[in-house]
PDB file of N, CA and C in Angstrom:
ATOM      1  N   MET A   1     -36.277   4.069  41.472  1.00  0.00           N
ATOM      2  CA  MET A   1     -35.953   4.333  42.433  1.00  0.00           C
ATOM      3  C   MET A   1     -35.590   2.958  43.684  1.00  0.00           C
ATOM      4  N   SER A   2     -34.959   2.670  43.213  1.00  0.00           N
ATOM      5  CA  SER A   2     -33.955   1.364  44.258  1.00  0.00           C
ATOM      6  C   SER A   2     -35.152   1.351  45.882  1.00  0.00           C
ATOM      7  N   ASP A   3     -34.836   0.522  45.822  1.00  0.00           N
ATOM      8  CA  ASP A   3     -35.240   0.279  47.813  1.00  0.00           C
ATOM      9  C   ASP A   3     -34.076   0.652  48.552  1.00  0.00           C
ATOM     10  N   ILE A   4     -33.143   0.475  48.980  1.00  0.00           N
ATOM     11  CA  ILE A   4     -32.308   1.433  49.779  1.00  0.00           C
ATOM     12  C   ILE A   4     -32.492   2.518  49.526  1.00  0.00           C
ATOM     13  N   GLN A   5     -32.229   3.253  47.978  1.00  0.00           N
ATOM     14  CA  GLN A   5     -32.926   4.802  48.281  1.00  0.00           C
ATOM     15  C   GLN A   5     -33.852   5.301  48.811  1.00  0.00           C
ATOM     16  N   THR A   6     -35.043   4.648  48.358  1.00  0.00           N
ATOM     17  CA  THR A   6     -36.367   4.797  49.096  1.00  0.00           C
ATOM     18  C   THR A   6     -36.459   4.847  50.421  1.00  0.00           C
ATOM     19  N   ARG A   7     -35.971   3.896  51.316  1.00  0.00           N
ATOM     20  CA  ARG A   7     -35.535   3.724  52.178  1.00  0.00           C
ATOM     21  C   ARG A   7     -34.526   5.002  52.932  1.00  0.00           C
ATOM     22  N   LEU A   8     -33.616   5.041  52.401  1.00  0.00           N
ATOM     23  CA  LEU A   8     -32.649   6.327  52.594  1.00  0.00           C
ATOM     24  C   LEU A   8     -33.466   7.642  53.003  1.00  0.00           C
ATOM     25  N   TYR A   9     -34.364   7.983  51.994  1.00  0.00           N
ATOM     26  CA  TYR A   9     -35.332   9.006  51.908  1.00  0.00           C
ATOM     27  C   TYR A   9     -36.685   9.146  52.912  1.00  0.00           C
ATOM     28  N   VAL A  10     -36.863   8.024  52.905  1.00  0.00           N
ATOM     29  CA  VAL A  10     -37.623   7.810  54.276  1.00  0.00           C
ATOM     30  C   VAL A  10     -37.228   8.050  55.581  1.00  0.00           C
ATOM     31  N   SER A  11     -35.719   7.678  55.794  1.00  0.00           N
ATOM     32  CA  SER A  11     -35.353   7.806  57.026  1.00  0.00           C
ATOM     33  C   SER A  11     -34.878   9.272  56.837  1.00  0.00           C
ATOM     34  N   CYS A  12     -34.369  10.039  56.051  1.00  0.00           N
ATOM     35  CA  CYS A  12     -34.433  11.435  56.533  1.00  0.00           C
ATOM     36  C   CYS A  12     -35.598  12.033  56.665  1.00  0.00           C
ATOM     37  N   ILE A  13     -36.414  11.967  55.655  1.00  0.00           N
ATOM     38  CA  ILE A  13     -37.907  12.090  56.377  1.00  0.00           C
ATOM     39  C   ILE A  13     -37.930  12.556  57.949  1.00  0.00           C
ATOM     40  N   ILE A  14     -38.019  11.325  57.978  1.00  0.00           N
ATOM     41  CA  ILE A  14     -38.589  10.760  59.499  1.00  0.00           C
ATOM     42  C   ILE A  14     -37.495  11.311  60.325  1.00  0.00           C
ATOM     43  N   TYR A  15     -36.653  11.520  60.178  1.00  0.00           N
ATOM     44  CA  TYR A  15     -35.201  12.054  61.194  1.00  0.00           C
ATOM     45  C   TYR A  15     -35.634  13.381  61.386  1.00  0.00           C
ATOM     46  N   SER A  16     -35.881  13.781  60.066  1.00  0.00           N
ATOM     47  CA  SER A  16     -36.073  15.339  59.591  1.00  0.00           C
ATOM     48  C   SER A  16     -37.240  15.794  60.736  1.00  0.00           C
ATOM     49  N   LEU A  17     -38.242  15.704  60.478  1.00  0.00           N
ATOM     50  CA  LEU A  17     -39.291  15.724  61.258  1.00  0.00           C
ATOM     51  C   LEU A  17     -38.824  15.759  62.861  1.00  0.00           C
ATOM     52  N   ILE A  18     -38.735  14.474  63.111  1.00  0.00           N
ATOM     53  CA  ILE A  18     -38.143  14.461  64.770  1.00  0.00           C
ATOM     54  C   ILE A  18     -37.442  15.364  65.211  1.00  0.00           C
ATOM     55  N   ILE A  19     -36.079  15.761  64.424  1.00  0.00           N
ATOM     56  CA  ILE A  19     -35.225  16.783  65.137  1.00  0.00           C
ATOM     57  C   ILE A  19     -36.145  18.400  64.629  1.00  0.00           C
ATOM     58  N   GLY A  20     -36.829  18.653  63.991  1.00  0.00           N
ATOM     59  CA  GLY A  20     -37.277  19.530  63.756  1.00  0.00           C
ATOM     60  C   GLY A  20     -38.567  19.879  64.840  1.00  0.00           C
ATOM     61  N   GLY A  21     -39.513  18.974  64.958  1.00  0.00           N
ATOM     62  CA  GLY A  21     -39.799  19.248  66.162  1.00  0.00           C
ATOM     63  C   GLY A  21     -39.349  19.393  67.626  1.00  0.00           C
ATOM     64  N   TRP A  22     -38.196  18.738  67.960  1.00  0.00           N
ATOM     65  CA  TRP A  22     -37.089  19.049  69.164  1.00  0.00           C
ATOM     66  C   TRP A  22     -36.905  20.567  69.126  1.00  0.00           C
ATOM     67  N   ALA A  23     -36.663  20.878  67.713  1.00  0.00           N
ATOM     68  CA  ALA A  23     -35.821  22.482  67.906  1.00  0.00           C
ATOM     69  C   ALA A  23     -37.023  23.201  68.457  1.00  0.00           C
ATOM     70  N   PHE A  24     -38.161  23.365  67.703  1.00  0.00           N
ATOM     71  CA  PHE A  24     -39.361  23.998  68.149  1.00  0.00           C
ATOM     72  C   PHE A  24     -39.909  23.680  69.146  1.00  0.00           C
ATOM     73  N   TYR A  25     -39.919  22.554  70.073  1.00  0.00           N
ATOM     74  CA  TYR A  25     -39.499  22.351  71.604  1.00  0.00           C
ATOM     75  C   TYR A  25     -38.839  23.655  72.208  1.00  0.00           C
ATOM     76  N   PHE A  26     -37.380  23.066  72.018  1.00  0.00           N
ATOM     77  CA  PHE A  26     -36.656  24.555  72.041  1.00  0.00           C
ATOM     78  C   PHE A  26     -37.246  25.914  72.345  1.00  0.00           C
ATOM     79  N   ALA A  27     -37.303  25.943  70.925  1.00  0.00           N
ATOM     80  CA  ALA A  27     -37.576  26.977  70.796  1.00  0.00           C
ATOM     81  C   ALA A  27     -38.808  27.964  71.641  1.00  0.00           C
ATOM     82  N   PHE A  28     -40.191  27.091  71.934  1.00  0.00           N
ATOM     83  CA  PHE A  28     -41.304  27.069  72.363  1.00  0.00           C
ATOM     84  C   PHE A  28     -40.914  27.471  74.009  1.00  0.00           C
ATOM     85  N   ARG A  29     -40.211  26.783  74.709  1.00  0.00           N
ATOM     86  CA  ARG A  29     -39.642  26.518  76.353  1.00  0.00           C
ATOM     87  C   ARG A  29     -38.631  27.722  76.162  1.00  0.00           C
ATOM     88  N   GLY A  30     -37.778  28.347  75.312  1.00  0.00           N
ATOM     89  CA  GLY A  30     -36.967  29.244  75.172  1.00  0.00           C
ATOM     90  C   GLY A  30     -35.791  28.806  75.908  1.00  0.00           C
ATOM     91  N   ARG A  31     -35.709  28.209  75.848  1.00  0.00           N
ATOM     92  CA  ARG A  31     -34.225  27.529  75.978  1.00  0.00           C
ATOM     93  C   ARG A  31     -33.236  27.269  74.943  1.00  0.00           C
ATOM     94  N   ASP A  32     -31.936  27.099  75.179  1.00  0.00           N
ATOM     95  CA  ASP A  32     -31.078  27.408  74.438  1.00  0.00           C
ATOM     96  C   ASP A  32     -30.464  25.917  73.944  1.00  0.00           C
ATOM     97  N   LEU A  33     -30.488  25.716  72.935  1.00  0.00           N
ATOM     98  CA  LEU A  33     -29.691  24.714  71.998  1.00  0.00           C
ATOM     99  C   LEU A  33     -28.826  24.367  72.730  1.00  0.00           C
ATOM    100  N   ASP A  34     -28.569  22.542  72.976  1.00  0.00           N
ATOM    101  CA  ASP A  34     -27.197  22.168  73.891  1.00  0.00           C
ATOM    102  C   ASP A  34     -26.550  21.555  72.644  1.00  0.00           C
ATOM    103  N   SER A  35     -25.630  20.736  73.208  1.00  0.00           N
ATOM    104  CA  SER A  35     -24.613  19.753  72.599  1.00  0.00           C
ATOM    105  C   SER A  35     -25.340  18.688  71.450  1.00  0.00           C
ATOM    106  N   ASN A  36     -26.082  17.956  72.717  1.00  0.00           N
ATOM    107  CA  ASN A  36     -27.315  16.886  71.978  1.00  0.00           C
ATOM    108  C   ASN A  36     -27.900  16.891  70.787  1.00  0.00           C
ATOM    109  N   PHE A  37     -28.576  18.455  70.880  1.00  0.00           N
ATOM    110  CA  PHE A  37     -28.943  18.389  69.531  1.00  0.00           C
ATOM    111  C   PHE A  37     -28.247  19.165  68.463  1.00  0.00           C
ATOM    112  N   MET A  38     -27.381  19.692  68.598  1.00  0.00           N
ATOM    113  CA  MET A  38     -26.399  19.715  67.739  1.00  0.00           C
ATOM    114  C   MET A  38     -25.698  18.919  67.359  1.00  0.00           C
ATOM    115  N   GLY A  39     -25.168  17.974  67.970  1.00  0.00           N
ATOM    116  CA  GLY A  39     -24.869  16.330  67.170  1.00  0.00           C
ATOM    117  C   GLY A  39     -26.019  15.994  66.441  1.00  0.00           C
ATOM    118  N   ALA A  40     -27.508  15.941  66.854  1.00  0.00           N
ATOM    119  CA  ALA A  40     -28.126  15.457  66.226  1.00  0.00           C
ATOM    120  C   ALA A  40     -28.389  16.204  65.086  1.00  0.00           C
ATOM    121  N   LEU A  41     -27.854  17.088  64.791  1.00  0.00           N
ATOM    122  CA  LEU A  41     -27.984  18.049  63.697  1.00  0.00           C
ATOM    123  C   LEU A  41     -27.084  17.438  62.532  1.00  0.00           C
ATOM    124  N   VAL A  42     -25.756  16.921  63.289  1.00  0.00           N
ATOM    125  CA  VAL A  42     -24.761  16.705  61.998  1.00  0.00           C
ATOM    126  C   VAL A  42     -25.359  15.328  61.933  1.00  0.00           C
ATOM    127  N   ILE A  43     -25.502  14.472  62.906  1.00  0.00           N
ATOM    128  CA  ILE A  43     -26.293  13.113  62.343  1.00  0.00           C
ATOM    129  C   ILE A  43     -27.264  13.213  61.189  1.00  0.00           C
ATOM    130  N   ASN A  44     -28.096  14.541  60.908  1.00  0.00           N
ATOM    131  CA  ASN A  44     -29.237  14.280  59.965  1.00  0.00           C
ATOM    132  C   ASN A  44     -28.195  14.842  58.652  1.00  0.00           C
ATOM    133  N   GLU A  45     -27.539  15.713  59.214  1.00  0.00           N
ATOM    134  CA  GLU A  45     -26.519  16.313  57.494  1.00  0.00           C
ATOM    135  C   GLU A  45     -25.379  15.160  57.070  1.00  0.00           C
ATOM    136  N   VAL A  46     -25.348  14.069  57.912  1.00  0.00           N
ATOM    137  CA  VAL A  46     -24.766  13.136  57.296  1.00  0.00           C
ATOM    138  C   VAL A  46     -25.464  12.161  56.802  1.00  0.00           C
ATOM    139  N   LEU A  47     -26.851  12.078  57.372  1.00  0.00           N
ATOM    140  CA  LEU A  47     -27.305  10.828  56.526  1.00  0.00           C
ATOM    141  C   LEU A  47     -28.404  11.629  55.467  1.00  0.00           C
ATOM    142  N   PHE A  48     -28.366  13.004  54.989  1.00  0.00           N
ATOM    143  CA  PHE A  48     -28.450  13.440  53.856  1.00  0.00           C
ATOM    144  C   PHE A  48     -27.284  13.213  52.741  1.00  0.00           C
ATOM    145  N   ALA A  49     -26.026  13.404  53.532  1.00  0.00           N
ATOM    146  CA  ALA A  49     -24.992  13.562  52.232  1.00  0.00           C
ATOM    147  C   ALA A  49     -24.844  11.949  52.277  1.00  0.00           C
ATOM    148  N   VAL A  50     -25.167  11.002  53.476  1.00  0.00           N
ATOM    149  CA  VAL A  50     -24.864   9.780  52.425  1.00  0.00           C
ATOM    150  C   VAL A  50     -26.034   9.365  51.178  1.00  0.00           C
ATOM    151  N   THR A  51     -27.188   9.549  51.623  1.00  0.00           N
ATOM    152  CA  THR A  51     -27.941   9.457  50.309  1.00  0.00           C
ATOM    153  C   THR A  51     -28.102  10.364  49.076  1.00  0.00           C
ATOM    154  N   ALA A  52     -27.230  11.422  49.111  1.00  0.00           N
ATOM    155  CA  ALA A  52     -26.784  12.627  47.936  1.00  0.00           C
ATOM    156  C   ALA A  52     -25.924  11.232  47.259  1.00  0.00           C
ATOM    157  N   ALA A  53     -24.543  10.856  48.253  1.00  0.00           N
ATOM    158  CA  ALA A  53     -23.474   9.883  47.648  1.00  0.00           C
ATOM    159  C   ALA A  53     -24.417   9.049  47.331  1.00  0.00           C
ATOM    160  N   PHE A  54     -25.280   8.219  47.769  1.00  0.00           N
ATOM    161  CA  PHE A  54     -25.988   6.918  46.948  1.00  0.00           C
ATOM    162  C   PHE A  54     -26.666   7.283  45.731  1.00  0.00           C
ATOM    163  N   ASP A  55     -27.370   8.639  45.438  1.00  0.00           N
ATOM    164  CA  ASP A  55     -27.570   9.046  44.419  1.00  0.00           C
ATOM    165  C   ASP A  55     -26.623   9.317  43.067  1.00  0.00           C
ATOM    166  N   VAL A  56     -25.567   9.680  43.680  1.00  0.00           N
ATOM    167  CA  VAL A  56     -24.396   9.955  42.901  1.00  0.00           C
ATOM    168  C   VAL A  56     -23.850   8.746  42.356  1.00  0.00           C
ATOM    169  N   PHE A  57     -23.733   7.806  43.040  1.00  0.00           N
ATOM    170  CA  PHE A  57     -23.114   6.274  42.967  1.00  0.00           C
ATOM    171  C   PHE A  57     -24.311   5.720  41.948  1.00  0.00           C
ATOM    172  N   LEU A  58     -25.594   5.721  41.946  1.00  0.00           N
ATOM    173  CA  LEU A  58     -26.161   5.397  40.846  1.00  0.00           C
ATOM    174  C   LEU A  58     -26.544   6.085  39.745  1.00  0.00           C
ATOM    175  N   LEU A  59     -26.332   6.933  39.554  1.00  0.00           N
ATOM    176  CA  LEU A  59     -25.921   7.768  38.679  1.00  0.00           C
ATOM    177  C   LEU A  59     -25.181   7.782  37.742  1.00  0.00           C
ATOM    178  N   LEU A  60     -23.742   7.529  38.501  1.00  0.00           N
ATOM    179  CA  LEU A  60     -22.327   6.954  37.334  1.00  0.00           C
ATOM    180  C   LEU A  60     -22.301   5.530  37.433  1.00  0.00           C
ATOM    181  N   ASN A  61     -23.099   4.975  38.080  1.00  0.00           N
ATOM    182  CA  ASN A  61     -23.137   3.093  37.419  1.00  0.00           C
ATOM    183  C   ASN A  61     -24.091   2.535  36.282  1.00  0.00           C
ATOM    184  N   GLY A  62     -25.095   3.699  36.066  1.00  0.00           N
ATOM    185  CA  GLY A  62     -26.126   3.111  35.019  1.00  0.00           C
ATOM    186  C   GLY A  62     -27.303   3.001  35.852  1.00  0.00           C
ATOM    187  N   GLY A  63     -27.200   3.330  37.347  1.00  0.00           N
ATOM    188  CA  GLY A  63     -28.834   2.718  38.339  1.00  0.00           C
ATOM    189  C   GLY A  63     -29.711   3.664  37.467  1.00  0.00           C
ATOM    190  N   ILE A  64     -31.032   3.131  37.496  1.00  0.00           N
ATOM    191  CA  ILE A  64     -31.955   4.096  37.402  1.00  0.00           C
ATOM    192  C   ILE A  64     -32.630   4.973  38.084  1.00  0.00           C
ATOM    193  N   LEU A  65     -32.751   6.001  37.886  1.00  0.00           N
ATOM    194  CA  LEU A  65     -33.289   7.239  38.163  1.00  0.00           C
ATOM    195  C   LEU A  65     -34.071   7.899  37.117  1.00  0.00           C
ATOM    196  N   PRO A  66     -35.712   6.855  37.130  1.00  0.00           N
ATOM    197  CA  PRO A  66     -36.485   7.365  36.369  1.00  0.00           C
ATOM    198  C   PRO A  66     -37.022   8.748  37.110  1.00  0.00           C
ATOM    199  N   GLY A  67     -38.251   9.424  35.936  1.00  0.00           N
ATOM    200  CA  GLY A  67     -38.494  10.552  36.275  1.00  0.00           C
ATOM    201  C   GLY A  67     -37.529  11.709  35.551  1.00  0.00           C
ATOM    202  N   ARG A  68     -37.525  12.292  36.632  1.00  0.00           N
ATOM    203  CA  ARG A  68     -36.518  13.804  36.176  1.00  0.00           C
ATOM    204  C   ARG A  68     -34.904  13.287  36.977  1.00  0.00           C
ATOM    205  N   PRO A  69     -34.241  13.077  36.826  1.00  0.00           N
ATOM    206  CA  PRO A  69     -33.081  12.886  37.414  1.00  0.00           C
ATOM    207  C   PRO A  69     -32.541  14.079  37.723  1.00  0.00           C
ATOM    208  N   ASP A  70     -32.402  15.118  36.644  1.00  0.00           N
ATOM    209  CA  ASP A  70     -31.827  16.094  37.131  1.00  0.00           C
ATOM    210  C   ASP A  70     -32.443  17.373  38.184  1.00  0.00           C
ATOM    211  N   VAL A  71     -33.655  17.276  38.451  1.00  0.00           N
ATOM    212  CA  VAL A  71     -34.512  17.624  38.856  1.00  0.00           C
ATOM    213  C   VAL A  71     -34.434  17.094  40.705  1.00  0.00           C
ATOM    214  N   HIS A  72     -34.256  15.817  40.424  1.00  0.00           N
ATOM    215  CA  HIS A  72     -34.045  14.492  41.455  1.00  0.00           C
ATOM    216  C   HIS A  72     -32.842  15.167  42.747  1.00  0.00           C
ATOM    217  N   LEU A  73     -31.778  15.575  41.676  1.00  0.00           N
ATOM    218  CA  LEU A  73     -30.194  15.781  41.957  1.00  0.00           C
ATOM    219  C   LEU A  73     -29.870  17.377  42.593  1.00  0.00           C
ATOM    220  N   LEU A  74     -30.940  17.827  41.984  1.00  0.00           N
ATOM    221  CA  LEU A  74     -31.374  19.079  42.317  1.00  0.00           C
ATOM    222  C   LEU A  74     -31.917  19.338  43.957  1.00  0.00           C
ATOM    223  N   TYR A  75     -32.490  18.821  43.801  1.00  0.00           N
ATOM    224  CA  TYR A  75     -33.552  18.533  45.782  1.00  0.00           C
ATOM    225  C   TYR A  75     -32.327  18.244  46.300  1.00  0.00           C
ATOM    226  N   THR A  76     -31.500  17.051  45.923  1.00  0.00           N
ATOM    227  CA  THR A  76     -30.674  16.378  46.857  1.00  0.00           C
ATOM    228  C   THR A  76     -29.719  17.414  47.381  1.00  0.00           C
ATOM    229  N   ALA A  77     -28.996  17.911  46.353  1.00  0.00           N
ATOM    230  CA  ALA A  77     -27.697  18.697  46.468  1.00  0.00           C
ATOM    231  C   ALA A  77     -28.218  20.065  47.381  1.00  0.00           C
ATOM    232  N   THR A  78     -29.860  20.591  47.381  1.00  0.00           N
ATOM    233  CA  THR A  78     -30.550  21.592  48.167  1.00  0.00           C
ATOM    234  C   THR A  78     -30.070  21.035  49.505  1.00  0.00           C
ATOM    235  N   ALA A  79     -30.853  20.080  49.967  1.00  0.00           N
ATOM    236  CA  ALA A  79     -30.928  19.072  50.980  1.00  0.00           C
ATOM    237  C   ALA A  79     -29.372  18.989  51.626  1.00  0.00           C
ATOM    238  N   VAL A  80     -28.856  18.763  51.125  1.00  0.00           N
ATOM    239  CA  VAL A  80     -27.022  18.371  51.776  1.00  0.00           C
ATOM    240  C   VAL A  80     -26.518  20.462  52.055  1.00  0.00           C
ATOM    241  N   LEU A  81     -27.031  21.226  51.695  1.00  0.00           N
ATOM    242  CA  LEU A  81     -26.392  22.550  51.308  1.00  0.00           C
ATOM    243  C   LEU A  81     -27.378  23.325  52.159  1.00  0.00           C
ATOM    244  N   THR A  82     -28.682  23.050  53.041  1.00  0.00           N
ATOM    245  CA  THR A  82     -29.389  23.649  53.654  1.00  0.00           C
ATOM    246  C   THR A  82     -28.770  23.710  54.898  1.00  0.00           C
ATOM    247  N   LEU A  83     -28.710  22.693  55.658  1.00  0.00           N
ATOM    248  CA  LEU A  83     -28.586  22.867  57.565  1.00  0.00           C
ATOM    249  C   LEU A  83     -26.700  23.597  57.803  1.00  0.00           C
ATOM    250  N   PRO A  84     -25.607  23.402  56.583  1.00  0.00           N
ATOM    251  CA  PRO A  84     -24.462  24.103  56.597  1.00  0.00           C
ATOM    252  C   PRO A  84     -24.562  25.530  56.313  1.00  0.00           C
ATOM    253  N   SER A  85     -25.337  25.709  55.795  1.00  0.00           N
ATOM    254  CA  SER A  85     -25.809  27.302  55.322  1.00  0.00           C
ATOM    255  C   SER A  85     -26.754  28.298  56.242  1.00  0.00           C
ATOM    256  N   VAL A  86     -27.785  27.270  56.886  1.00  0.00           N
ATOM    257  CA  VAL A  86     -28.261  27.721  58.279  1.00  0.00           C
ATOM    258  C   VAL A  86     -27.118  27.870  59.717  1.00  0.00           C
ATOM    259  N   TYR A  87     -26.430  27.438  59.347  1.00  0.00           N
ATOM    260  CA  TYR A  87     -25.528  27.006  60.543  1.00  0.00           C
ATOM    261  C   TYR A  87     -24.604  28.556  60.334  1.00  0.00           C
ATOM    262  N   ALA A  88     -24.429  28.870  59.233  1.00  0.00           N
ATOM    263  CA  ALA A  88     -23.022  29.706  58.812  1.00  0.00           C
ATOM    264  C   ALA A  88     -24.471  31.169  59.124  1.00  0.00           C
ATOM    265  N   LEU A  89     -25.394  31.129  58.746  1.00  0.00           N
ATOM    266  CA  LEU A  89     -26.254  32.451  58.528  1.00  0.00           C
ATOM    267  C   LEU A  89     -26.645  32.802  60.067  1.00  0.00           C
ATOM    268  N   LEU A  90     -26.546  31.500  60.754  1.00  0.00           N
ATOM    269  CA  LEU A  90     -26.615  31.981  62.200  1.00  0.00           C
ATOM    270  C   LEU A  90     -25.657  31.834  63.279  1.00  0.00           C
ATOM    271  N   ARG A  91     -24.308  31.747  62.194  1.00  0.00           N
ATOM    272  CA  ARG A  91     -23.136  31.833  62.768  1.00  0.00           C
ATOM    273  C   ARG A  91     -22.898  31.101  64.227  1.00  0.00           C
ATOM    274  N   GLY A  92     -23.569  30.043  63.947  1.00  0.00           N
ATOM    275  CA  GLY A  92     -23.234  29.206  65.313  1.00  0.00           C
ATOM    276  C   GLY A  92     -23.767  29.251  66.620  1.00  0.00           C
ATOM    277  N   LYS A  93     -24.955  30.178  66.270  1.00  0.00           N
ATOM    278  CA  LYS A  93     -25.370  30.665  67.769  1.00  0.00           C
ATOM    279  C   LYS A  93     -26.329  29.619  68.011  1.00  0.00           C
ATOM    280  N   SER A  94     -26.651  29.271  69.515  1.00  0.00           N
ATOM    281  CA  SER A  94     -27.654  27.993  69.595  1.00  0.00           C
ATOM    282  C   SER A  94     -28.067  28.740  71.018  1.00  0.00           C
ATOM    283  N   SER A  95     -29.112  30.023  70.810  1.00  0.00           N
ATOM    284  CA  SER A  95     -30.159  30.496  71.432  1.00  0.00           C
ATOM    285  C   SER A  95     -31.690  30.050  71.008  1.00  0.00           C
ATOM    286  N   SER A  96     -32.305  30.350  72.204  1.00  0.00           N
ATOM    287  CA  SER A  96     -33.590  29.749  71.715  1.00  0.00           C
ATOM    288  C   SER A  96     -34.611  30.328  70.531  1.00  0.00           C
ATOM    289  N   ARG A  97     -34.001  31.459  69.709  1.00  0.00           N
ATOM    290  CA  ARG A  97     -34.205  32.217  68.950  1.00  0.00           C
ATOM    291  C   ARG A  97     -33.877  31.473  67.512  1.00  0.00           C
ATOM    292  N   GLU A  98     -32.788  30.970  67.615  1.00  0.00           N
ATOM    293  CA  GLU A  98     -32.100  30.375  66.775  1.00  0.00           C
ATOM    294  C   GLU A  98     -32.896  28.597  66.308  1.00  0.00           C
ATOM    295  N   ALA A  99     -33.641  28.139  67.727  1.00  0.00           N
ATOM    296  CA  ALA A  99     -33.964  26.759  67.482  1.00  0.00           C
ATOM    297  C   ALA A  99     -34.925  27.038  66.526  1.00  0.00           C
ATOM    298  N   ALA A 100     -35.664  27.775  66.579  1.00  0.00           N
ATOM    299  CA  ALA A 100     -36.761  28.047  65.250  1.00  0.00           C
ATOM    300  C   ALA A 100     -36.397  27.805  63.837  1.00  0.00           C
ATOM    301  N   PHE A 101     -35.268  28.793  63.815  1.00  0.00           N
ATOM    302  CA  PHE A 101     -34.765  28.801  62.594  1.00  0.00           C
ATOM    303  C   PHE A 101     -34.155  27.461  62.454  1.00  0.00           C
ATOM    304  N   TYR A 102     -33.833  26.046  62.728  1.00  0.00           N
ATOM    305  CA  TYR A 102     -33.212  25.200  62.785  1.00  0.00           C
ATOM    306  C   TYR A 102     -34.499  23.964  62.779  1.00  0.00           C
ATOM    307  N   GLY A 103     -35.708  24.595  63.715  1.00  0.00           N
ATOM    308  CA  GLY A 103     -37.130  23.843  63.416  1.00  0.00           C
ATOM    309  C   GLY A 103     -37.830  23.887  61.978  1.00  0.00           C
ATOM    310  N   ALA A 104     -37.723  25.277  61.377  1.00  0.00           N
ATOM    311  CA  ALA A 104     -38.485  25.657  60.129  1.00  0.00           C
ATOM    312  C   ALA A 104     -36.705  24.623  58.904  1.00  0.00           C
ATOM    313  N   ALA A 105     -35.554  24.343  59.028  1.00  0.00           N
ATOM    314  CA  ALA A 105     -34.770  23.978  58.003  1.00  0.00           C
ATOM    315  C   ALA A 105     -35.207  22.930  58.079  1.00  0.00           C
ATOM    316  N   CYS A 106     -35.473  22.161  59.581  1.00  0.00           N
ATOM    317  CA  CYS A 106     -35.671  20.781  59.380  1.00  0.00           C
ATOM    318  C   CYS A 106     -36.592  20.384  58.732  1.00  0.00           C
ATOM    319  N   LEU A 107     -37.986  21.234  59.258  1.00  0.00           N
ATOM    320  CA  LEU A 107     -39.188  20.512  58.388  1.00  0.00           C
ATOM    321  C   LEU A 107     -39.240  21.241  57.118  1.00  0.00           C
ATOM    322  N   PHE A 108     -38.652  21.908  56.681  1.00  0.00           N
ATOM    323  CA  PHE A 108     -37.937  22.165  55.269  1.00  0.00           C
ATOM    324  C   PHE A 108     -37.192  21.166  54.696  1.00  0.00           C
ATOM    325  N   LEU A 109     -36.433  20.847  55.080  1.00  0.00           N
ATOM    326  CA  LEU A 109     -35.284  19.162  54.616  1.00  0.00           C
ATOM    327  C   LEU A 109     -36.203  18.062  54.499  1.00  0.00           C
ATOM    328  N   ALA A 110     -37.680  17.993  55.545  1.00  0.00           N
ATOM    329  CA  ALA A 110     -38.131  16.917  55.127  1.00  0.00           C
ATOM    330  C   ALA A 110     -39.213  16.765  53.929  1.00  0.00           C
ATOM    331  N   GLY A 111     -39.830  18.410  53.456  1.00  0.00           N
ATOM    332  CA  GLY A 111     -40.174  18.512  52.195  1.00  0.00           C
ATOM    333  C   GLY A 111     -39.321  18.349  51.499  1.00  0.00           C
ATOM    334  N   ILE A 112     -38.090  18.672  51.326  1.00  0.00           N
ATOM    335  CA  ILE A 112     -37.270  18.274  49.931  1.00  0.00           C
ATOM    336  C   ILE A 112     -37.332  16.781  49.768  1.00  0.00           C
ATOM    337  N   ALA A 113     -37.404  16.666  50.955  1.00  0.00           N
ATOM    338  CA  ALA A 113     -36.891  14.885  50.803  1.00  0.00           C
ATOM    339  C   ALA A 113     -38.360  13.920  50.192  1.00  0.00           C
ATOM    340  N   ILE A 114     -39.494  14.640  50.382  1.00  0.00           N
ATOM    341  CA  ILE A 114     -40.614  14.297  50.168  1.00  0.00           C
ATOM    342  C   ILE A 114     -40.335  14.414  48.435  1.00  0.00           C
ATOM    343  N   ARG A 115     -40.085  15.738  48.304  1.00  0.00           N
ATOM    344  CA  ARG A 115     -40.236  16.267  46.727  1.00  0.00           C
ATOM    345  C   ARG A 115     -38.757  15.251  45.629  1.00  0.00           C
ATOM    346  N   ALA A 116     -37.529  14.982  46.615  1.00  0.00           N
ATOM    347  CA  ALA A 116     -36.855  13.959  45.773  1.00  0.00           C
ATOM    348  C   ALA A 116     -37.551  12.724  45.404  1.00  0.00           C
ATOM    349  N   ILE A 117     -38.310  12.032  46.258  1.00  0.00           N
ATOM    350  CA  ILE A 117     -39.117  10.759  45.863  1.00  0.00           C
ATOM    351  C   ILE A 117     -39.781  11.516  44.935  1.00  0.00           C
ATOM    352  N   ILE A 118     -40.874  12.404  44.616  1.00  0.00           N
ATOM    353  CA  ILE A 118     -41.792  12.647  43.940  1.00  0.00           C
ATOM    354  C   ILE A 118     -41.083  12.513  42.681  1.00  0.00           C
ATOM    355  N   THR A 119     -40.198  12.864  42.615  1.00  0.00           N
ATOM    356  CA  THR A 119     -39.277  13.503  40.888  1.00  0.00           C
ATOM    357  C   THR A 119     -38.826  12.183  40.909  1.00  0.00           C
ATOM    358  N   THR A 120     -38.019  10.927  41.500  1.00  0.00           N
ATOM    359  CA  THR A 120     -38.170   9.948  40.807  1.00  0.00           C
ATOM    360  C   THR A 120     -39.497   8.835  40.224  1.00  0.00           C
ATOM    361  N   VAL A 121     -40.543   9.110  40.742  1.00  0.00           N
ATOM    362  CA  VAL A 121     -41.661   8.491  39.877  1.00  0.00           C
ATOM    363  C   VAL A 121     -41.872   8.830  39.206  1.00  0.00           C
ATOM    364  N   VAL A 122     -42.433   7.831  38.217  1.00  0.00           N
ATOM    365  CA  VAL A 122     -42.271   7.718  36.836  1.00  0.00           C
ATOM    366  C   VAL A 122     -43.998   7.892  36.013  1.00  0.00           C
TER     367      VAL A 122
END
């Protein structure tokens, strides 16, 4: 795994954990989600999309993806599709109930990023 790729995934993990904690804060306080939080979700999605684009770039240019590249790319695709799927399922609502779903999705994304790193270890 390249150093840049590792740093991108670690950034995804840390950012997803922070956003997930923020979402659970909204849920437990009974507060509706605001535009700042929704913007942070977009940043999280962009971070995963950039990471996925870098993975595809490495794959197409003969970059080394040791371990199980097929499973690694599956985890990457899952990570990219998770937040848009949750947003579509919740129909864009932003109440405190939906905050718990976004929190769970962000924690799931952190786990997916950890698994993506593990699949590239030889």
